[in-house]
Structures are given as structure tokens and as C-alpha cells.
Amino acid sequence: MNDYNTVEVAFYKKTAKKATIYDKIVAWWTGGDYCHTEIIINGFQYSSSPRDGGVRVKQHYRDSETWDYVKISSSDIDIRKGIKFFHKTKHCKYDWRGIFGFISPISDREDRYFCSEWCSKFLMISGVEEMFDKNPSKISPMRLYNILTHTKYEGNIIKRTINRIFKKGN
């Protein structure tokens, strides 16, 4: 039996040395500091990554200059359910079309995932209470960070622009 005593969600910073232009666009578009997210369990990272083609697991090298970490209390999560979800989805491809679902009515595909969608679903299936009423296909890395840290999310670039226009008009 595995000992899943350390569970965190890692958020890849848009300012990381290896951040690509795609990473910076995702962070800008979704209105945040993060462009990617991973579930970290005892030194391994689980997610869906465009760099790796989809859902996978690999060794995680802790680096606070590249990642921010949010610890998930072991009493709040049934990690075995999450690992079962990983095994069910481990060969699913990255959902390039789905990343536009943050701001459009593009339908969700059950056989493809983008990073924060997969991580959100993992957390929801594992019993993390903050995720129960959420739609994983509408969660960006920044929104996931804000949900888990209970901070306010300002929304993507379109939502922020609309809010600014209407605030100026009042």
C-alpha cells in the first residue's frame, strides 16, 4: 500500500526561466501569475501537459523560483480515488481546444484534458470540498489557485476589461 502523506498543488509561474511565450499568453489571457498546474504527491507530478502531449506522471524537482505550492490537508482528500482517476486518464491527450472554454461555449471532451481541468477533476474526485460545485473545464491555473487559497479571482482578460469599462461609466 502506498503512503500518500504529502499532497500539494503546484502552480508554474509565468516568470519562470523556462516559461515559453505560450505560458505567458495563458497567464495573461486568464488574468494571473500562473500558466500551468500539477498535483504533487510524494515527489511526483501528475497533470496534463502540452509539453508531454497529455496526461502523465513524472518526477518533480522542487523549485520555489519556478513553482508556488498549495498544500492539501490529508484529512481533506481521498488520494486513492485521485490515483484511480489518473490510471483511467493517463493516456488522454492534451485538450488544446478546451483551453478556449474559459471564455467560449466550446464543448468539453471527456477524452482530453488541459492542466487545470485535469487537476481540478482530480481534486474533486478525491473529495476536496472547495471543488464540489465547480466545473473543471472552466478552471484556469489562476482560478484554481484562488479557489484553493480562498482569494478573489478577477477573471480572464475579457471579463477584466468589461469590468473596467462599466466601473468607469458609474
C-alpha atoms as a PDB file:
ATOM      1  CA  MET A   1       0.000   0.000   0.000  1.00  0.00           C
ATOM      2  CA  ASN A   2       1.300   3.451  -0.907  1.00  0.00           C
ATOM      3  CA  ASP A   3       1.746   6.200   1.667  1.00  0.00           C
ATOM      4  CA  TYR A   4       0.259   9.370   0.170  1.00  0.00           C
ATOM      5  CA  ASN A   5       1.080  11.703   3.039  1.00  0.00           C
ATOM      6  CA  THR A   6       2.287  14.722   1.070  1.00  0.00           C
ATOM      7  CA  VAL A   7      -0.156  16.226  -1.432  1.00  0.00           C
ATOM      8  CA  GLU A   8       0.277  19.671  -2.957  1.00  0.00           C
ATOM      9  CA  VAL A   9      -0.902  21.567  -5.987  1.00  0.00           C
ATOM     10  CA  ALA A  10       1.995  23.264  -7.776  1.00  0.00           C
ATOM     11  CA  PHE A  11       1.485  26.366  -9.898  1.00  0.00           C
ATOM     12  CA  TYR A  12       4.014  27.170 -12.643  1.00  0.00           C
ATOM     13  CA  LYS A  13       4.920  30.860 -12.603  1.00  0.00           C
ATOM     14  CA  LYS A  14       4.756  32.931 -15.770  1.00  0.00           C
ATOM     15  CA  THR A  15       8.095  34.414 -14.667  1.00  0.00           C
ATOM     16  CA  ALA A  16       9.886  31.033 -14.586  1.00  0.00           C
ATOM     17  CA  LYS A  17      13.178  30.951 -16.509  1.00  0.00           C
ATOM     18  CA  LYS A  18      11.863  28.243 -18.864  1.00  0.00           C
ATOM     19  CA  ALA A  19       8.445  29.864 -19.379  1.00  0.00           C
ATOM     20  CA  THR A  20       7.589  29.965 -23.072  1.00  0.00           C
ATOM     21  CA  ILE A  21       5.637  32.607 -24.948  1.00  0.00           C
ATOM     22  CA  TYR A  22       2.655  30.192 -24.816  1.00  0.00           C
ATOM     23  CA  ASP A  23       2.987  30.096 -20.995  1.00  0.00           C
ATOM     24  CA  LYS A  24       2.980  33.882 -20.791  1.00  0.00           C
ATOM     25  CA  ILE A  25      -0.039  34.161 -23.092  1.00  0.00           C
ATOM     26  CA  VAL A  26      -2.013  31.652 -20.987  1.00  0.00           C
ATOM     27  CA  ALA A  27      -1.209  33.593 -17.792  1.00  0.00           C
ATOM     28  CA  TRP A  28      -2.123  36.914 -19.415  1.00  0.00           C
ATOM     29  CA  TRP A  29      -5.312  35.554 -21.011  1.00  0.00           C
ATOM     30  CA  THR A  30      -6.540  34.001 -17.761  1.00  0.00           C
ATOM     31  CA  GLY A  31      -5.615  37.045 -15.695  1.00  0.00           C
ATOM     32  CA  GLY A  32      -3.000  35.628 -13.426  1.00  0.00           C
ATOM     33  CA  ASP A  33       0.508  34.763 -12.437  1.00  0.00           C
ATOM     34  CA  TYR A  34       0.284  31.077 -13.398  1.00  0.00           C
ATOM     35  CA  CYS A  35       0.219  29.210 -16.682  1.00  0.00           C
ATOM     36  CA  HIS A  36       0.290  25.571 -15.592  1.00  0.00           C
ATOM     37  CA  THR A  37      -0.630  23.409 -12.627  1.00  0.00           C
ATOM     38  CA  GLU A  38       0.311  19.958 -11.300  1.00  0.00           C
ATOM     39  CA  ILE A  39      -0.740  17.645  -8.474  1.00  0.00           C
ATOM     40  CA  ILE A  40       2.378  16.754  -6.445  1.00  0.00           C
ATOM     41  CA  ILE A  41       2.339  13.507  -4.487  1.00  0.00           C
ATOM     42  CA  ASN A  42       5.496  12.403  -2.689  1.00  0.00           C
ATOM     43  CA  GLY A  43       7.876  13.863  -5.261  1.00  0.00           C
ATOM     44  CA  PHE A  44       5.906  13.006  -8.404  1.00  0.00           C
ATOM     45  CA  GLN A  45       3.868  15.417 -10.522  1.00  0.00           C
ATOM     46  CA  TYR A  46       0.579  14.420 -12.137  1.00  0.00           C
ATOM     47  CA  SER A  47      -1.181  16.545 -14.742  1.00  0.00           C
ATOM     48  CA  SER A  48      -1.990  17.034 -18.395  1.00  0.00           C
ATOM     49  CA  SER A  49       0.821  18.881 -20.106  1.00  0.00           C
ATOM     50  CA  PRO A  50       1.098  20.272 -23.633  1.00  0.00           C
ATOM     51  CA  ARG A  51       4.862  19.663 -23.474  1.00  0.00           C
ATOM     52  CA  ASP A  52       4.277  15.963 -22.775  1.00  0.00           C
ATOM     53  CA  GLY A  53       1.242  15.558 -25.041  1.00  0.00           C
ATOM     54  CA  GLY A  54      -1.356  14.932 -22.350  1.00  0.00           C
ATOM     55  CA  VAL A  55      -1.947  13.209 -19.012  1.00  0.00           C
ATOM     56  CA  ARG A  56       1.203  11.768 -17.437  1.00  0.00           C
ATOM     57  CA  VAL A  57       3.242  11.404 -14.253  1.00  0.00           C
ATOM     58  CA  LYS A  58       6.920  12.224 -13.797  1.00  0.00           C
ATOM     59  CA  GLN A  59       9.472  13.111 -11.126  1.00  0.00           C
ATOM     60  CA  HIS A  60       9.049  16.583  -9.606  1.00  0.00           C
ATOM     61  CA  TYR A  61      12.072  18.669  -8.646  1.00  0.00           C
ATOM     62  CA  ARG A  62      11.036  21.219  -6.053  1.00  0.00           C
ATOM     63  CA  ASP A  63      11.921  24.760  -7.136  1.00  0.00           C
ATOM     64  CA  SER A  64      10.283  27.750  -5.450  1.00  0.00           C
ATOM     65  CA  GLU A  65      11.573  30.129  -8.125  1.00  0.00           C
ATOM     66  CA  THR A  66       9.572  28.250 -10.754  1.00  0.00           C
ATOM     67  CA  TRP A  67       6.584  26.975  -8.757  1.00  0.00           C
ATOM     68  CA  ASP A  68       4.255  28.108  -5.983  1.00  0.00           C
ATOM     69  CA  TYR A  69       2.815  25.326  -3.822  1.00  0.00           C
ATOM     70  CA  VAL A  70      -0.507  24.925  -2.033  1.00  0.00           C
ATOM     71  CA  LYS A  71      -0.615  22.074   0.472  1.00  0.00           C
ATOM     72  CA  ILE A  72      -3.779  19.961   0.616  1.00  0.00           C
ATOM     73  CA  SER A  73      -4.575  18.608   4.060  1.00  0.00           C
ATOM     74  CA  SER A  74      -4.502  14.807   4.112  1.00  0.00           C
ATOM     75  CA  SER A  75      -7.781  14.849   6.067  1.00  0.00           C
ATOM     76  CA  ASP A  76      -9.458  16.694   3.154  1.00  0.00           C
ATOM     77  CA  ILE A  77      -8.548  14.244   0.402  1.00  0.00           C
ATOM     78  CA  ASP A  78      -9.005  10.581  -0.524  1.00  0.00           C
ATOM     79  CA  ILE A  79      -5.929  10.314  -2.700  1.00  0.00           C
ATOM     80  CA  ARG A  80      -6.641   6.719  -3.764  1.00  0.00           C
ATOM     81  CA  LYS A  81      -9.674   7.958  -5.724  1.00  0.00           C
ATOM     82  CA  GLY A  82      -7.465  10.543  -7.438  1.00  0.00           C
ATOM     83  CA  ILE A  83      -4.835   7.938  -8.334  1.00  0.00           C
ATOM     84  CA  LYS A  84      -7.592   5.728  -9.766  1.00  0.00           C
ATOM     85  CA  PHE A  85      -8.669   8.724 -11.905  1.00  0.00           C
ATOM     86  CA  PHE A  86      -5.053   9.136 -13.065  1.00  0.00           C
ATOM     87  CA  HIS A  87      -4.868   5.493 -14.187  1.00  0.00           C
ATOM     88  CA  LYS A  88      -8.188   5.882 -16.039  1.00  0.00           C
ATOM     89  CA  THR A  89      -6.954   9.006 -17.898  1.00  0.00           C
ATOM     90  CA  LYS A  90      -3.176   8.530 -18.137  1.00  0.00           C
ATOM     91  CA  HIS A  91      -3.116   8.231 -21.911  1.00  0.00           C
ATOM     92  CA  CYS A  92      -5.591  11.029 -22.658  1.00  0.00           C
ATOM     93  CA  LYS A  93      -4.242  13.737 -24.945  1.00  0.00           C
ATOM     94  CA  TYR A  94      -3.862  17.433 -24.110  1.00  0.00           C
ATOM     95  CA  ASP A  95      -7.037  19.438 -24.776  1.00  0.00           C
ATOM     96  CA  TRP A  96      -5.855  22.298 -26.992  1.00  0.00           C
ATOM     97  CA  ARG A  97      -9.419  23.206 -27.976  1.00  0.00           C
ATOM     98  CA  GLY A  98     -10.661  23.048 -24.391  1.00  0.00           C
ATOM     99  CA  ILE A  99      -8.385  25.828 -23.158  1.00  0.00           C
ATOM    100  CA  PHE A 100     -10.629  28.262 -25.037  1.00  0.00           C
ATOM    101  CA  GLY A 101     -13.551  27.061 -22.910  1.00  0.00           C
ATOM    102  CA  PHE A 102     -12.640  29.649 -20.265  1.00  0.00           C
ATOM    103  CA  ILE A 103     -14.435  32.282 -22.337  1.00  0.00           C
ATOM    104  CA  SER A 104     -16.404  30.450 -25.013  1.00  0.00           C
ATOM    105  CA  PRO A 105     -19.166  27.840 -25.231  1.00  0.00           C
ATOM    106  CA  ILE A 106     -16.851  25.209 -26.754  1.00  0.00           C
ATOM    107  CA  SER A 107     -17.997  21.818 -25.517  1.00  0.00           C
ATOM    108  CA  ASP A 108     -15.858  19.766 -23.181  1.00  0.00           C
ATOM    109  CA  ARG A 109     -14.288  16.492 -24.394  1.00  0.00           C
ATOM    110  CA  GLU A 110     -14.136  13.617 -21.922  1.00  0.00           C
ATOM    111  CA  ASP A 111     -11.068  12.097 -23.594  1.00  0.00           C
ATOM    112  CA  ARG A 112      -8.811  15.197 -23.439  1.00  0.00           C
ATOM    113  CA  TYR A 113      -7.721  17.498 -20.627  1.00  0.00           C
ATOM    114  CA  PHE A 114      -5.813  20.723 -20.147  1.00  0.00           C
ATOM    115  CA  CYS A 115      -3.741  21.029 -16.957  1.00  0.00           C
ATOM    116  CA  SER A 116      -6.031  22.873 -14.553  1.00  0.00           C
ATOM    117  CA  GLU A 117      -9.075  20.975 -15.812  1.00  0.00           C
ATOM    118  CA  TRP A 118      -7.386  17.643 -15.062  1.00  0.00           C
ATOM    119  CA  CYS A 119      -6.063  18.813 -11.666  1.00  0.00           C
ATOM    120  CA  SER A 120      -9.471  20.243 -10.699  1.00  0.00           C
ATOM    121  CA  LYS A 121     -11.189  16.988 -11.602  1.00  0.00           C
ATOM    122  CA  PHE A 122      -8.541  15.024  -9.684  1.00  0.00           C
ATOM    123  CA  LEU A 123      -9.201  17.162  -6.589  1.00  0.00           C
ATOM    124  CA  MET A 124     -12.974  16.935  -7.000  1.00  0.00           C
ATOM    125  CA  ILE A 125     -12.898  13.135  -7.358  1.00  0.00           C
ATOM    126  CA  SER A 126     -10.550  12.947  -4.357  1.00  0.00           C
ATOM    127  CA  GLY A 127     -13.078  14.790  -2.196  1.00  0.00           C
ATOM    128  CA  VAL A 128     -11.592  18.287  -1.842  1.00  0.00           C
ATOM    129  CA  GLU A 129     -14.633  20.242  -0.649  1.00  0.00           C
ATOM    130  CA  GLU A 130     -13.737  23.536  -2.391  1.00  0.00           C
ATOM    131  CA  MET A 131     -14.100  21.766  -5.760  1.00  0.00           C
ATOM    132  CA  PHE A 132     -17.583  20.223  -5.293  1.00  0.00           C
ATOM    133  CA  ASP A 133     -19.630  22.905  -7.060  1.00  0.00           C
ATOM    134  CA  LYS A 134     -17.078  23.724  -9.776  1.00  0.00           C
ATOM    135  CA  ASN A 135     -16.920  22.856 -13.477  1.00  0.00           C
ATOM    136  CA  PRO A 136     -13.321  21.676 -14.104  1.00  0.00           C
ATOM    137  CA  SER A 137     -13.458  22.639 -17.788  1.00  0.00           C
ATOM    138  CA  LYS A 138     -13.888  26.317 -16.778  1.00  0.00           C
ATOM    139  CA  ILE A 139     -10.986  26.466 -14.306  1.00  0.00           C
ATOM    140  CA  SER A 140      -7.706  28.126 -15.279  1.00  0.00           C
ATOM    141  CA  PRO A 141      -4.484  27.718 -13.274  1.00  0.00           C
ATOM    142  CA  MET A 142      -5.033  31.129 -11.639  1.00  0.00           C
ATOM    143  CA  ARG A 143      -8.653  30.371 -10.774  1.00  0.00           C
ATOM    144  CA  LEU A 144      -7.640  27.033  -9.218  1.00  0.00           C
ATOM    145  CA  TYR A 145      -5.024  28.819  -7.120  1.00  0.00           C
ATOM    146  CA  ASN A 146      -7.623  31.310  -5.934  1.00  0.00           C
ATOM    147  CA  ILE A 147     -10.159  28.574  -5.122  1.00  0.00           C
ATOM    148  CA  LEU A 148      -7.628  26.662  -3.026  1.00  0.00           C
ATOM    149  CA  THR A 149      -6.272  29.747  -1.249  1.00  0.00           C
ATOM    150  CA  HIS A 150      -9.706  31.390  -0.856  1.00  0.00           C
ATOM    151  CA  THR A 151      -8.662  34.579  -2.644  1.00  0.00           C
ATOM    152  CA  LYS A 152     -10.707  36.612  -5.110  1.00  0.00           C
ATOM    153  CA  TYR A 153     -10.363  35.807  -8.812  1.00  0.00           C
ATOM    154  CA  GLU A 154     -10.625  38.783 -11.160  1.00  0.00           C
ATOM    155  CA  GLY A 155     -11.297  36.692 -14.271  1.00  0.00           C
ATOM    156  CA  ASN A 156      -9.783  36.454 -17.733  1.00  0.00           C
ATOM    157  CA  ILE A 157      -8.768  39.426 -19.868  1.00  0.00           C
ATOM    158  CA  ILE A 158     -12.247  39.859 -21.387  1.00  0.00           C
ATOM    159  CA  LYS A 159     -14.008  39.848 -18.004  1.00  0.00           C
ATOM    160  CA  ARG A 160     -11.469  42.301 -16.526  1.00  0.00           C
ATOM    161  CA  THR A 161     -11.851  44.667 -19.499  1.00  0.00           C
ATOM    162  CA  ILE A 162     -15.656  44.636 -19.289  1.00  0.00           C
ATOM    163  CA  ASN A 163     -15.485  45.271 -15.530  1.00  0.00           C
ATOM    164  CA  ARG A 164     -13.151  48.262 -16.080  1.00  0.00           C
ATOM    165  CA  ILE A 165     -15.437  49.759 -18.728  1.00  0.00           C
ATOM    166  CA  PHE A 166     -18.517  49.536 -16.514  1.00  0.00           C
ATOM    167  CA  LYS A 167     -16.700  50.826 -13.421  1.00  0.00           C
ATOM    168  CA  LYS A 168     -15.567  53.914 -15.347  1.00  0.00           C
ATOM    169  CA  GLY A 169     -19.115  54.541 -16.548  1.00  0.00           C
ATOM    170  CA  ASN A 170     -20.506  54.761 -13.000  1.00  0.00           C
END
